[in-house]
Amino acid sequence: MPQSQDPASLQQLALRLQEFAQQRDWGQFHSPKNLASALIVEAGELLEHFQWLTEEQSRNLPADKKQAVAHEMADVLLYLVQMATALDVDLIEAANAKVGINGQKYPADQARGSRRKFDEL
């Protein structure tokens, strides 16, 4: 990962997003359900950039395509941060907990090099 994100930077982003929405009176629309829906729409737009590409092409995007993908990734992150704020979820804490859970579900000695799901290991 090119840059590390500490909780303070996510908190700062969350505050910036709250201010942005407040200035436009959009908070009324930012229910968890609506934010989850918007997040999925943006994830679909992200996926659209990779539709019909080969594995190799997806790993070597031209600069203009990579910038467009970065914008879609940012949209996904922004909605996720807004949803975390709406539900009072600490994303860093939740992500670290989930990595721990995944470590238990996918022990390295059993999962290494395998794409099988945890219940098939």
PDB file of N, CA and C in Angstrom:
ATOM      1  N   MET A   1       0.853  -1.178   0.000  1.00  0.00           N
ATOM      2  CA  MET A   1       0.000   0.000   0.000  1.00  0.00           C
ATOM      3  C   MET A   1       0.895   1.236   0.000  1.00  0.00           C
ATOM      4  N   PRO A   2       0.682   2.157  -0.949  1.00  0.00           N
ATOM      5  CA  PRO A   2       1.554   3.314  -1.068  1.00  0.00           C
ATOM      6  C   PRO A   2       1.576   4.208   0.168  1.00  0.00           C
ATOM      7  N   GLN A   3       0.440   4.449   0.797  1.00  0.00           N
ATOM      8  CA  GLN A   3       0.392   5.313   1.963  1.00  0.00           C
ATOM      9  C   GLN A   3      -0.319   4.576   3.081  1.00  0.00           C
ATOM     10  N   SER A   4       0.165   4.778   4.304  1.00  0.00           N
ATOM     11  CA  SER A   4      -0.561   4.182   5.419  1.00  0.00           C
ATOM     12  C   SER A   4      -1.608   5.171   5.893  1.00  0.00           C
ATOM     13  N   GLN A   5      -2.701   4.645   6.368  1.00  0.00           N
ATOM     14  CA  GLN A   5      -3.778   5.475   6.868  1.00  0.00           C
ATOM     15  C   GLN A   5      -3.897   5.238   8.361  1.00  0.00           C
ATOM     16  N   ASP A   6      -3.694   6.265   9.169  1.00  0.00           N
ATOM     17  CA  ASP A   6      -3.898   6.095  10.597  1.00  0.00           C
ATOM     18  C   ASP A   6      -5.300   6.577  10.946  1.00  0.00           C
ATOM     19  N   PRO A   7      -5.787   6.200  12.126  1.00  0.00           N
ATOM     20  CA  PRO A   7      -7.156   6.575  12.498  1.00  0.00           C
ATOM     21  C   PRO A   7      -7.411   8.076  12.442  1.00  0.00           C
ATOM     22  N   ALA A   8      -6.395   8.871  12.770  1.00  0.00           N
ATOM     23  CA  ALA A   8      -6.588  10.320  12.750  1.00  0.00           C
ATOM     24  C   ALA A   8      -6.929  10.803  11.349  1.00  0.00           C
ATOM     25  N   SER A   9      -6.292  10.234  10.334  1.00  0.00           N
ATOM     26  CA  SER A   9      -6.566  10.697   8.976  1.00  0.00           C
ATOM     27  C   SER A   9      -7.968  10.267   8.526  1.00  0.00           C
ATOM     28  N   LEU A  10      -8.413   9.092   8.944  1.00  0.00           N
ATOM     29  CA  LEU A  10      -9.784   8.688   8.626  1.00  0.00           C
ATOM     30  C   LEU A  10     -10.780   9.560   9.382  1.00  0.00           C
ATOM     31  N   GLN A  11     -10.443   9.905  10.616  1.00  0.00           N
ATOM     32  CA  GLN A  11     -11.316  10.797  11.392  1.00  0.00           C
ATOM     33  C   GLN A  11     -11.383  12.172  10.740  1.00  0.00           C
ATOM     34  N   GLN A  12     -10.260  12.665  10.265  1.00  0.00           N
ATOM     35  CA  GLN A  12     -10.242  13.954   9.583  1.00  0.00           C
ATOM     36  C   GLN A  12     -11.084  13.905   8.308  1.00  0.00           C
ATOM     37  N   LEU A  13     -10.971  12.817   7.573  1.00  0.00           N
ATOM     38  CA  LEU A  13     -11.773  12.646   6.366  1.00  0.00           C
ATOM     39  C   LEU A  13     -13.253  12.604   6.720  1.00  0.00           C
ATOM     40  N   ALA A  14     -13.603  11.889   7.780  1.00  0.00           N
ATOM     41  CA  ALA A  14     -15.001  11.805   8.211  1.00  0.00           C
ATOM     42  C   ALA A  14     -15.537  13.188   8.566  1.00  0.00           C
ATOM     43  N   LEU A  15     -14.743  13.986   9.265  1.00  0.00           N
ATOM     44  CA  LEU A  15     -15.160  15.343   9.625  1.00  0.00           C
ATOM     45  C   LEU A  15     -15.332  16.220   8.384  1.00  0.00           C
ATOM     46  N   ARG A  16     -14.416  16.084   7.447  1.00  0.00           N
ATOM     47  CA  ARG A  16     -14.514  16.843   6.199  1.00  0.00           C
ATOM     48  C   ARG A  16     -15.785  16.469   5.432  1.00  0.00           C
ATOM     49  N   LEU A  17     -16.093  15.167   5.406  1.00  0.00           N
ATOM     50  CA  LEU A  17     -17.306  14.707   4.726  1.00  0.00           C
ATOM     51  C   LEU A  17     -18.557  15.204   5.429  1.00  0.00           C
ATOM     52  N   GLN A  18     -18.547  15.210   6.770  1.00  0.00           N
ATOM     53  CA  GLN A  18     -19.700  15.721   7.518  1.00  0.00           C
ATOM     54  C   GLN A  18     -19.922  17.193   7.203  1.00  0.00           C
ATOM     55  N   GLU A  19     -18.843  17.958   7.187  1.00  0.00           N
ATOM     56  CA  GLU A  19     -18.953  19.392   6.877  1.00  0.00           C
ATOM     57  C   GLU A  19     -19.468  19.598   5.453  1.00  0.00           C
ATOM     58  N   PHE A  20     -18.949  18.829   4.518  1.00  0.00           N
ATOM     59  CA  PHE A  20     -19.369  18.908   3.118  1.00  0.00           C
ATOM     60  C   PHE A  20     -20.879  18.658   3.004  1.00  0.00           C
ATOM     61  N   ALA A  21     -21.344  17.599   3.661  1.00  0.00           N
ATOM     62  CA  ALA A  21     -22.772  17.256   3.615  1.00  0.00           C
ATOM     63  C   ALA A  21     -23.615  18.306   4.331  1.00  0.00           C
ATOM     64  N   GLN A  22     -23.116  18.811   5.458  1.00  0.00           N
ATOM     65  CA  GLN A  22     -23.843  19.829   6.212  1.00  0.00           C
ATOM     66  C   GLN A  22     -24.058  21.086   5.380  1.00  0.00           C
ATOM     67  N   GLN A  23     -23.023  21.513   4.669  1.00  0.00           N
ATOM     68  CA  GLN A  23     -23.098  22.719   3.849  1.00  0.00           C
ATOM     69  C   GLN A  23     -24.158  22.587   2.753  1.00  0.00           C
ATOM     70  N   ARG A  24     -24.483  21.376   2.378  1.00  0.00           N
ATOM     71  CA  ARG A  24     -25.453  21.121   1.305  1.00  0.00           C
ATOM     72  C   ARG A  24     -26.774  20.564   1.826  1.00  0.00           C
ATOM     73  N   ASP A  25     -26.894  20.437   3.144  1.00  0.00           N
ATOM     74  CA  ASP A  25     -28.076  19.870   3.793  1.00  0.00           C
ATOM     75  C   ASP A  25     -28.383  18.472   3.242  1.00  0.00           C
ATOM     76  N   TRP A  26     -27.345  17.666   3.108  1.00  0.00           N
ATOM     77  CA  TRP A  26     -27.512  16.310   2.581  1.00  0.00           C
ATOM     78  C   TRP A  26     -27.617  15.257   3.677  1.00  0.00           C
ATOM     79  N   GLY A  27     -27.371  15.638   4.925  1.00  0.00           N
ATOM     80  CA  GLY A  27     -27.428  14.679   6.014  1.00  0.00           C
ATOM     81  C   GLY A  27     -28.747  13.933   6.077  1.00  0.00           C
ATOM     82  N   GLN A  28     -29.816  14.619   5.696  1.00  0.00           N
ATOM     83  CA  GLN A  28     -31.144  14.005   5.709  1.00  0.00           C
ATOM     84  C   GLN A  28     -31.230  12.783   4.794  1.00  0.00           C
ATOM     85  N   PHE A  29     -30.346  12.692   3.812  1.00  0.00           N
ATOM     86  CA  PHE A  29     -30.363  11.582   2.854  1.00  0.00           C
ATOM     87  C   PHE A  29     -29.367  10.480   3.220  1.00  0.00           C
ATOM     88  N   HIS A  30     -28.540  10.720   4.230  1.00  0.00           N
ATOM     89  CA  HIS A  30     -27.431   9.825   4.528  1.00  0.00           C
ATOM     90  C   HIS A  30     -27.766   8.791   5.601  1.00  0.00           C
ATOM     91  N   SER A  31     -28.840   8.082   5.391  1.00  0.00           N
ATOM     92  CA  SER A  31     -29.153   6.950   6.265  1.00  0.00           C
ATOM     93  C   SER A  31     -28.189   5.815   5.927  1.00  0.00           C
ATOM     94  N   PRO A  32     -27.948   4.902   6.862  1.00  0.00           N
ATOM     95  CA  PRO A  32     -27.083   3.764   6.533  1.00  0.00           C
ATOM     96  C   PRO A  32     -27.547   3.006   5.284  1.00  0.00           C
ATOM     97  N   LYS A  33     -28.853   2.837   5.131  1.00  0.00           N
ATOM     98  CA  LYS A  33     -29.382   2.134   3.954  1.00  0.00           C
ATOM     99  C   LYS A  33     -29.015   2.864   2.663  1.00  0.00           C
ATOM    100  N   ASN A  34     -29.227   4.185   2.641  1.00  0.00           N
ATOM    101  CA  ASN A  34     -28.914   4.949   1.436  1.00  0.00           C
ATOM    102  C   ASN A  34     -27.417   4.967   1.157  1.00  0.00           C
ATOM    103  N   LEU A  35     -26.615   5.084   2.211  1.00  0.00           N
ATOM    104  CA  LEU A  35     -25.166   5.089   2.023  1.00  0.00           C
ATOM    105  C   LEU A  35     -24.675   3.738   1.516  1.00  0.00           C
ATOM    106  N   ALA A  36     -25.247   2.641   2.036  1.00  0.00           N
ATOM    107  CA  ALA A  36     -24.876   1.306   1.552  1.00  0.00           C
ATOM    108  C   ALA A  36     -25.248   1.153   0.078  1.00  0.00           C
ATOM    109  N   SER A  37     -26.408   1.657  -0.291  1.00  0.00           N
ATOM    110  CA  SER A  37     -26.833   1.584  -1.695  1.00  0.00           C
ATOM    111  C   SER A  37     -25.878   2.370  -2.587  1.00  0.00           C
ATOM    112  N   ALA A  38     -25.522   3.575  -2.160  1.00  0.00           N
ATOM    113  CA  ALA A  38     -24.609   4.408  -2.945  1.00  0.00           C
ATOM    114  C   ALA A  38     -23.237   3.753  -3.055  1.00  0.00           C
ATOM    115  N   LEU A  39     -22.791   3.124  -1.973  1.00  0.00           N
ATOM    116  CA  LEU A  39     -21.507   2.439  -1.974  1.00  0.00           C
ATOM    117  C   LEU A  39     -21.493   1.328  -3.026  1.00  0.00           C
ATOM    118  N   ILE A  40     -22.573   0.568  -3.095  1.00  0.00           N
ATOM    119  CA  ILE A  40     -22.653  -0.528  -4.075  1.00  0.00           C
ATOM    120  C   ILE A  40     -22.661   0.015  -5.505  1.00  0.00           C
ATOM    121  N   VAL A  41     -23.356   1.114  -5.720  1.00  0.00           N
ATOM    122  CA  VAL A  41     -23.367   1.732  -7.048  1.00  0.00           C
ATOM    123  C   VAL A  41     -21.945   2.129  -7.441  1.00  0.00           C
ATOM    124  N   GLU A  42     -21.233   2.758  -6.515  1.00  0.00           N
ATOM    125  CA  GLU A  42     -19.861   3.180  -6.809  1.00  0.00           C
ATOM    126  C   GLU A  42     -18.940   1.978  -7.003  1.00  0.00           C
ATOM    127  N   ALA A  43     -19.153   0.915  -6.229  1.00  0.00           N
ATOM    128  CA  ALA A  43     -18.347  -0.302  -6.421  1.00  0.00           C
ATOM    129  C   ALA A  43     -18.590  -0.881  -7.813  1.00  0.00           C
ATOM    130  N   GLY A  44     -19.822  -0.810  -8.275  1.00  0.00           N
ATOM    131  CA  GLY A  44     -20.137  -1.261  -9.633  1.00  0.00           C
ATOM    132  C   GLY A  44     -19.427  -0.420 -10.683  1.00  0.00           C
ATOM    133  N   GLU A  45     -19.372   0.889 -10.440  1.00  0.00           N
ATOM    134  CA  GLU A  45     -18.667   1.772 -11.372  1.00  0.00           C
ATOM    135  C   GLU A  45     -17.172   1.471 -11.370  1.00  0.00           C
ATOM    136  N   LEU A  46     -16.643   1.095 -10.222  1.00  0.00           N
ATOM    137  CA  LEU A  46     -15.239   0.684 -10.138  1.00  0.00           C
ATOM    138  C   LEU A  46     -15.015  -0.588 -10.954  1.00  0.00           C
ATOM    139  N   LEU A  47     -15.880  -1.554 -10.768  1.00  0.00           N
ATOM    140  CA  LEU A  47     -15.758  -2.824 -11.483  1.00  0.00           C
ATOM    141  C   LEU A  47     -15.864  -2.630 -12.994  1.00  0.00           C
ATOM    142  N   GLU A  48     -16.670  -1.690 -13.402  1.00  0.00           N
ATOM    143  CA  GLU A  48     -16.876  -1.436 -14.832  1.00  0.00           C
ATOM    144  C   GLU A  48     -15.556  -1.165 -15.563  1.00  0.00           C
ATOM    145  N   HIS A  49     -14.612  -0.542 -14.881  1.00  0.00           N
ATOM    146  CA  HIS A  49     -13.319  -0.237 -15.511  1.00  0.00           C
ATOM    147  C   HIS A  49     -12.515  -1.494 -15.826  1.00  0.00           C
ATOM    148  N   PHE A  50     -12.838  -2.593 -15.152  1.00  0.00           N
ATOM    149  CA  PHE A  50     -12.096  -3.832 -15.339  1.00  0.00           C
ATOM    150  C   PHE A  50     -12.829  -4.852 -16.199  1.00  0.00           C
ATOM    151  N   GLN A  51     -14.061  -4.533 -16.536  1.00  0.00           N
ATOM    152  CA  GLN A  51     -14.856  -5.463 -17.341  1.00  0.00           C
ATOM    153  C   GLN A  51     -14.145  -5.717 -18.661  1.00  0.00           C
ATOM    154  N   TRP A  52     -14.021  -6.963 -19.003  1.00  0.00           N
ATOM    155  CA  TRP A  52     -13.449  -7.456 -20.247  1.00  0.00           C
ATOM    156  C   TRP A  52     -11.926  -7.341 -20.323  1.00  0.00           C
ATOM    157  N   LEU A  53     -11.268  -6.882 -19.265  1.00  0.00           N
ATOM    158  CA  LEU A  53      -9.806  -6.851 -19.281  1.00  0.00           C
ATOM    159  C   LEU A  53      -9.266  -8.225 -18.902  1.00  0.00           C
ATOM    160  N   THR A  54      -8.095  -8.530 -19.402  1.00  0.00           N
ATOM    161  CA  THR A  54      -7.415  -9.738 -18.960  1.00  0.00           C
ATOM    162  C   THR A  54      -6.802  -9.457 -17.586  1.00  0.00           C
ATOM    163  N   GLU A  55      -6.356 -10.523 -16.925  1.00  0.00           N
ATOM    164  CA  GLU A  55      -5.665 -10.345 -15.635  1.00  0.00           C
ATOM    165  C   GLU A  55      -4.479  -9.404 -15.809  1.00  0.00           C
ATOM    166  N   GLU A  56      -3.706  -9.631 -16.842  1.00  0.00           N
ATOM    167  CA  GLU A  56      -2.511  -8.809 -17.100  1.00  0.00           C
ATOM    168  C   GLU A  56      -2.884  -7.352 -17.342  1.00  0.00           C
ATOM    169  N   GLN A  57      -3.898  -7.106 -18.163  1.00  0.00           N
ATOM    170  CA  GLN A  57      -4.335  -5.732 -18.426  1.00  0.00           C
ATOM    171  C   GLN A  57      -4.805  -5.041 -17.141  1.00  0.00           C
ATOM    172  N   SER A  58      -5.473  -5.797 -16.286  1.00  0.00           N
ATOM    173  CA  SER A  58      -5.970  -5.202 -15.048  1.00  0.00           C
ATOM    174  C   SER A  58      -4.828  -4.820 -14.106  1.00  0.00           C
ATOM    175  N   ARG A  59      -3.695  -5.458 -14.255  1.00  0.00           N
ATOM    176  CA  ARG A  59      -2.523  -5.148 -13.418  1.00  0.00           C
ATOM    177  C   ARG A  59      -1.677  -4.022 -13.996  1.00  0.00           C
ATOM    178  N   ASN A  60      -1.900  -3.683 -15.243  1.00  0.00           N
ATOM    179  CA  ASN A  60      -1.079  -2.675 -15.932  1.00  0.00           C
ATOM    180  C   ASN A  60      -1.952  -1.632 -16.621  1.00  0.00           C
ATOM    181  N   LEU A  61      -2.696  -0.908 -15.841  1.00  0.00           N
ATOM    182  CA  LEU A  61      -3.596   0.103 -16.407  1.00  0.00           C
ATOM    183  C   LEU A  61      -2.805   1.294 -16.937  1.00  0.00           C
ATOM    184  N   PRO A  62      -3.239   1.846 -18.065  1.00  0.00           N
ATOM    185  CA  PRO A  62      -2.631   3.089 -18.530  1.00  0.00           C
ATOM    186  C   PRO A  62      -2.935   4.209 -17.522  1.00  0.00           C
ATOM    187  N   ALA A  63      -2.114   5.237 -17.521  1.00  0.00           N
ATOM    188  CA  ALA A  63      -2.214   6.311 -16.519  1.00  0.00           C
ATOM    189  C   ALA A  63      -3.610   6.926 -16.435  1.00  0.00           C
ATOM    190  N   ASP A  64      -4.249   7.191 -17.574  1.00  0.00           N
ATOM    191  CA  ASP A  64      -5.577   7.825 -17.553  1.00  0.00           C
ATOM    192  C   ASP A  64      -6.622   6.886 -16.956  1.00  0.00           C
ATOM    193  N   LYS A  65      -6.524   5.612 -17.271  1.00  0.00           N
ATOM    194  CA  LYS A  65      -7.456   4.616 -16.726  1.00  0.00           C
ATOM    195  C   LYS A  65      -7.209   4.433 -15.225  1.00  0.00           C
ATOM    196  N   LYS A  66      -5.943   4.438 -14.830  1.00  0.00           N
ATOM    197  CA  LYS A  66      -5.611   4.301 -13.412  1.00  0.00           C
ATOM    198  C   LYS A  66      -6.169   5.478 -12.618  1.00  0.00           C
ATOM    199  N   GLN A  67      -6.125   6.671 -13.177  1.00  0.00           N
ATOM    200  CA  GLN A  67      -6.675   7.851 -12.500  1.00  0.00           C
ATOM    201  C   GLN A  67      -8.191   7.726 -12.360  1.00  0.00           C
ATOM    202  N   ALA A  68      -8.861   7.255 -13.380  1.00  0.00           N
ATOM    203  CA  ALA A  68     -10.312   7.056 -13.312  1.00  0.00           C
ATOM    204  C   ALA A  68     -10.651   5.999 -12.264  1.00  0.00           C
ATOM    205  N   VAL A  69      -9.869   4.937 -12.204  1.00  0.00           N
ATOM    206  CA  VAL A  69     -10.065   3.889 -11.198  1.00  0.00           C
ATOM    207  C   VAL A  69      -9.839   4.467  -9.795  1.00  0.00           C
ATOM    208  N   ALA A  70      -8.819   5.301  -9.645  1.00  0.00           N
ATOM    209  CA  ALA A  70      -8.539   5.930  -8.348  1.00  0.00           C
ATOM    210  C   ALA A  70      -9.722   6.776  -7.890  1.00  0.00           C
ATOM    211  N   HIS A  71     -10.359   7.488  -8.812  1.00  0.00           N
ATOM    212  CA  HIS A  71     -11.534   8.295  -8.463  1.00  0.00           C
ATOM    213  C   HIS A  71     -12.692   7.412  -8.000  1.00  0.00           C
ATOM    214  N   GLU A  72     -12.889   6.294  -8.663  1.00  0.00           N
ATOM    215  CA  GLU A  72     -13.965   5.381  -8.248  1.00  0.00           C
ATOM    216  C   GLU A  72     -13.638   4.748  -6.895  1.00  0.00           C
ATOM    217  N   MET A  73     -12.370   4.399  -6.689  1.00  0.00           N
ATOM    218  CA  MET A  73     -11.972   3.866  -5.387  1.00  0.00           C
ATOM    219  C   MET A  73     -12.230   4.892  -4.290  1.00  0.00           C
ATOM    220  N   ALA A  74     -11.946   6.144  -4.579  1.00  0.00           N
ATOM    221  CA  ALA A  74     -12.192   7.213  -3.611  1.00  0.00           C
ATOM    222  C   ALA A  74     -13.681   7.329  -3.308  1.00  0.00           C
ATOM    223  N   ASP A  75     -14.518   7.223  -4.322  1.00  0.00           N
ATOM    224  CA  ASP A  75     -15.971   7.284  -4.095  1.00  0.00           C
ATOM    225  C   ASP A  75     -16.416   6.167  -3.154  1.00  0.00           C
ATOM    226  N   VAL A  76     -15.890   4.959  -3.362  1.00  0.00           N
ATOM    227  CA  VAL A  76     -16.231   3.828  -2.496  1.00  0.00           C
ATOM    228  C   VAL A  76     -15.787   4.131  -1.061  1.00  0.00           C
ATOM    229  N   LEU A  77     -14.570   4.617  -0.905  1.00  0.00           N
ATOM    230  CA  LEU A  77     -14.052   4.944   0.425  1.00  0.00           C
ATOM    231  C   LEU A  77     -14.892   6.035   1.093  1.00  0.00           C
ATOM    232  N   LEU A  78     -15.246   7.053   0.344  1.00  0.00           N
ATOM    233  CA  LEU A  78     -16.016   8.162   0.925  1.00  0.00           C
ATOM    234  C   LEU A  78     -17.367   7.687   1.456  1.00  0.00           C
ATOM    235  N   TYR A  79     -18.043   6.853   0.692  1.00  0.00           N
ATOM    236  CA  TYR A  79     -19.329   6.337   1.182  1.00  0.00           C
ATOM    237  C   TYR A  79     -19.133   5.395   2.367  1.00  0.00           C
ATOM    238  N   LEU A  80     -18.071   4.619   2.356  1.00  0.00           N
ATOM    239  CA  LEU A  80     -17.795   3.718   3.471  1.00  0.00           C
ATOM    240  C   LEU A  80     -17.511   4.513   4.754  1.00  0.00           C
ATOM    241  N   VAL A  81     -16.735   5.575   4.630  1.00  0.00           N
ATOM    242  CA  VAL A  81     -16.439   6.423   5.786  1.00  0.00           C
ATOM    243  C   VAL A  81     -17.714   7.088   6.298  1.00  0.00           C
ATOM    244  N   GLN A  82     -18.564   7.560   5.386  1.00  0.00           N
ATOM    245  CA  GLN A  82     -19.825   8.167   5.809  1.00  0.00           C
ATOM    246  C   GLN A  82     -20.718   7.148   6.510  1.00  0.00           C
ATOM    247  N   MET A  83     -20.731   5.933   6.020  1.00  0.00           N
ATOM    248  CA  MET A  83     -21.538   4.894   6.636  1.00  0.00           C
ATOM    249  C   MET A  83     -21.006   4.555   8.027  1.00  0.00           C
ATOM    250  N   ALA A  84     -19.693   4.497   8.157  1.00  0.00           N
ATOM    251  CA  ALA A  84     -19.084   4.239   9.464  1.00  0.00           C
ATOM    252  C   ALA A  84     -19.455   5.344  10.453  1.00  0.00           C
ATOM    253  N   THR A  85     -19.474   6.575   9.994  1.00  0.00           N
ATOM    254  CA  THR A  85     -19.866   7.693  10.851  1.00  0.00           C
ATOM    255  C   THR A  85     -21.324   7.551  11.265  1.00  0.00           C
ATOM    256  N   ALA A  86     -22.180   7.229  10.311  1.00  0.00           N
ATOM    257  CA  ALA A  86     -23.614   7.099  10.597  1.00  0.00           C
ATOM    258  C   ALA A  86     -23.888   5.992  11.607  1.00  0.00           C
ATOM    259  N   LEU A  87     -23.079   4.932  11.586  1.00  0.00           N
ATOM    260  CA  LEU A  87     -23.292   3.786  12.472  1.00  0.00           C
ATOM    261  C   LEU A  87     -22.331   3.768  13.667  1.00  0.00           C
ATOM    262  N   ASP A  88     -21.491   4.801  13.777  1.00  0.00           N
ATOM    263  CA  ASP A  88     -20.505   4.909  14.853  1.00  0.00           C
ATOM    264  C   ASP A  88     -19.615   3.661  14.912  1.00  0.00           C
ATOM    265  N   VAL A  89     -19.036   3.328  13.760  1.00  0.00           N
ATOM    266  CA  VAL A  89     -18.119   2.187  13.641  1.00  0.00           C
ATOM    267  C   VAL A  89     -16.715   2.732  13.412  1.00  0.00           C
ATOM    268  N   ASP A  90     -15.765   2.246  14.182  1.00  0.00           N
ATOM    269  CA  ASP A  90     -14.355   2.572  13.985  1.00  0.00           C
ATOM    270  C   ASP A  90     -13.828   1.627  12.905  1.00  0.00           C
ATOM    271  N   LEU A  91     -13.614   2.154  11.707  1.00  0.00           N
ATOM    272  CA  LEU A  91     -13.216   1.312  10.576  1.00  0.00           C
ATOM    273  C   LEU A  91     -11.865   0.639  10.787  1.00  0.00           C
ATOM    274  N   ILE A  92     -10.922   1.340  11.372  1.00  0.00           N
ATOM    275  CA  ILE A  92      -9.600   0.752  11.597  1.00  0.00           C
ATOM    276  C   ILE A  92      -9.714  -0.409  12.581  1.00  0.00           C
ATOM    277  N   GLU A  93     -10.453  -0.198  13.658  1.00  0.00           N
ATOM    278  CA  GLU A  93     -10.660  -1.265  14.644  1.00  0.00           C
ATOM    279  C   GLU A  93     -11.390  -2.451  14.016  1.00  0.00           C
ATOM    280  N   ALA A  94     -12.439  -2.173  13.250  1.00  0.00           N
ATOM    281  CA  ALA A  94     -13.211  -3.239  12.611  1.00  0.00           C
ATOM    282  C   ALA A  94     -12.351  -4.006  11.600  1.00  0.00           C
ATOM    283  N   ALA A  95     -11.536  -3.281  10.834  1.00  0.00           N
ATOM    284  CA  ALA A  95     -10.678  -3.935   9.838  1.00  0.00           C
ATOM    285  C   ALA A  95      -9.624  -4.803  10.504  1.00  0.00           C
ATOM    286  N   ASN A  96      -9.015  -4.302  11.564  1.00  0.00           N
ATOM    287  CA  ASN A  96      -8.020  -5.102  12.278  1.00  0.00           C
ATOM    288  C   ASN A  96      -8.648  -6.352  12.884  1.00  0.00           C
ATOM    289  N   ALA A  97      -9.838  -6.217  13.434  1.00  0.00           N
ATOM    290  CA  ALA A  97     -10.537  -7.383  13.990  1.00  0.00           C
ATOM    291  C   ALA A  97     -10.837  -8.393  12.885  1.00  0.00           C
ATOM    292  N   LYS A  98     -11.244  -7.907  11.728  1.00  0.00           N
ATOM    293  CA  LYS A  98     -11.586  -8.800  10.617  1.00  0.00           C
ATOM    294  C   LYS A  98     -10.360  -9.527  10.079  1.00  0.00           C
ATOM    295  N   VAL A  99      -9.213  -8.853  10.040  1.00  0.00           N
ATOM    296  CA  VAL A  99      -7.978  -9.522   9.616  1.00  0.00           C
ATOM    297  C   VAL A  99      -7.654 -10.656  10.582  1.00  0.00           C
ATOM    298  N   GLY A 100      -7.859 -10.429  11.870  1.00  0.00           N
ATOM    299  CA  GLY A 100      -7.647 -11.479  12.857  1.00  0.00           C
ATOM    300  C   GLY A 100      -8.581 -12.661  12.644  1.00  0.00           C
ATOM    301  N   ILE A 101      -9.847 -12.371  12.391  1.00  0.00           N
ATOM    302  CA  ILE A 101     -10.835 -13.421  12.114  1.00  0.00           C
ATOM    303  C   ILE A 101     -10.442 -14.200  10.865  1.00  0.00           C
ATOM    304  N   ASN A 102     -10.053 -13.472   9.813  1.00  0.00           N
ATOM    305  CA  ASN A 102      -9.647 -14.137   8.569  1.00  0.00           C
ATOM    306  C   ASN A 102      -8.406 -15.000   8.774  1.00  0.00           C
ATOM    307  N   GLY A 103      -7.511 -14.558   9.653  1.00  0.00           N
ATOM    308  CA  GLY A 103      -6.320 -15.352   9.959  1.00  0.00           C
ATOM    309  C   GLY A 103      -6.679 -16.691  10.588  1.00  0.00           C
ATOM    310  N   GLN A 104      -7.719 -16.683  11.404  1.00  0.00           N
ATOM    311  CA  GLN A 104      -8.174 -17.930  12.013  1.00  0.00           C
ATOM    312  C   GLN A 104      -8.892 -18.811  10.995  1.00  0.00           C
ATOM    313  N   LYS A 105      -9.669 -18.185  10.112  1.00  0.00           N
ATOM    314  CA  LYS A 105     -10.412 -18.947   9.107  1.00  0.00           C
ATOM    315  C   LYS A 105      -9.500 -19.497   8.014  1.00  0.00           C
ATOM    316  N   TYR A 106      -8.424 -18.787   7.743  1.00  0.00           N
ATOM    317  CA  TYR A 106      -7.502 -19.159   6.666  1.00  0.00           C
ATOM    318  C   TYR A 106      -6.083 -19.290   7.202  1.00  0.00           C
ATOM    319  N   PRO A 107      -5.776 -20.347   7.965  1.00  0.00           N
ATOM    320  CA  PRO A 107      -4.409 -20.526   8.469  1.00  0.00           C
ATOM    321  C   PRO A 107      -3.430 -20.586   7.295  1.00  0.00           C
ATOM    322  N   ALA A 108      -2.316 -19.890   7.429  1.00  0.00           N
ATOM    323  CA  ALA A 108      -1.349 -19.785   6.330  1.00  0.00           C
ATOM    324  C   ALA A 108      -0.895 -21.147   5.825  1.00  0.00           C
ATOM    325  N   ASP A 109      -0.685 -22.082   6.736  1.00  0.00           N
ATOM    326  CA  ASP A 109      -0.191 -23.389   6.302  1.00  0.00           C
ATOM    327  C   ASP A 109      -1.220 -24.163   5.485  1.00  0.00           C
ATOM    328  N   GLN A 110      -2.498 -23.841   5.629  1.00  0.00           N
ATOM    329  CA  GLN A 110      -3.546 -24.529   4.874  1.00  0.00           C
ATOM    330  C   GLN A 110      -4.014 -23.724   3.653  1.00  0.00           C
ATOM    331  N   ALA A 111      -3.930 -22.413   3.746  1.00  0.00           N
ATOM    332  CA  ALA A 111      -4.495 -21.557   2.695  1.00  0.00           C
ATOM    333  C   ALA A 111      -3.462 -21.089   1.669  1.00  0.00           C
ATOM    334  N   ARG A 112      -2.194 -21.229   1.970  1.00  0.00           N
ATOM    335  CA  ARG A 112      -1.149 -20.713   1.082  1.00  0.00           C
ATOM    336  C   ARG A 112      -1.327 -21.230  -0.344  1.00  0.00           C
ATOM    337  N   GLY A 113      -1.439 -20.308  -1.287  1.00  0.00           N
ATOM    338  CA  GLY A 113      -1.535 -20.655  -2.698  1.00  0.00           C
ATOM    339  C   GLY A 113      -2.869 -21.234  -3.126  1.00  0.00           C
ATOM    340  N   SER A 114      -3.847 -21.250  -2.233  1.00  0.00           N
ATOM    341  CA  SER A 114      -5.145 -21.840  -2.551  1.00  0.00           C
ATOM    342  C   SER A 114      -6.211 -20.764  -2.641  1.00  0.00           C
ATOM    343  N   ARG A 115      -7.139 -20.932  -3.551  1.00  0.00           N
ATOM    344  CA  ARG A 115      -8.260 -20.007  -3.640  1.00  0.00           C
ATOM    345  C   ARG A 115      -9.534 -20.593  -3.041  1.00  0.00           C
ATOM    346  N   ARG A 116      -9.376 -21.755  -2.386  1.00  0.00           N
ATOM    347  CA  ARG A 116     -10.537 -22.389  -1.777  1.00  0.00           C
ATOM    348  C   ARG A 116     -11.064 -21.567  -0.607  1.00  0.00           C
ATOM    349  N   LYS A 117     -12.360 -21.661  -0.407  1.00  0.00           N
ATOM    350  CA  LYS A 117     -12.992 -20.967   0.698  1.00  0.00           C
ATOM    351  C   LYS A 117     -12.651 -21.686   2.002  1.00  0.00           C
ATOM    352  N   PHE A 118     -12.753 -20.950   3.118  1.00  0.00           N
ATOM    353  CA  PHE A 118     -12.307 -21.480   4.413  1.00  0.00           C
ATOM    354  C   PHE A 118     -12.950 -22.808   4.777  1.00  0.00           C
ATOM    355  N   ASP A 119     -14.182 -23.011   4.383  1.00  0.00           N
ATOM    356  CA  ASP A 119     -14.865 -24.265   4.749  1.00  0.00           C
ATOM    357  C   ASP A 119     -14.458 -25.436   3.840  1.00  0.00           C
ATOM    358  N   GLU A 120     -13.601 -25.163   2.875  1.00  0.00           N
ATOM    359  CA  GLU A 120     -13.100 -26.214   1.982  1.00  0.00           C
ATOM    360  C   GLU A 120     -11.642 -26.544   2.257  1.00  0.00           C
ATOM    361  N   LEU A 121     -11.020 -25.846   3.182  1.00  0.00           N
ATOM    362  CA  LEU A 121      -9.595 -26.087   3.481  1.00  0.00           C
ATOM    363  C   LEU A 121      -9.412 -27.347   4.307  1.00  0.00           C
TER     364      LEU A 121
END
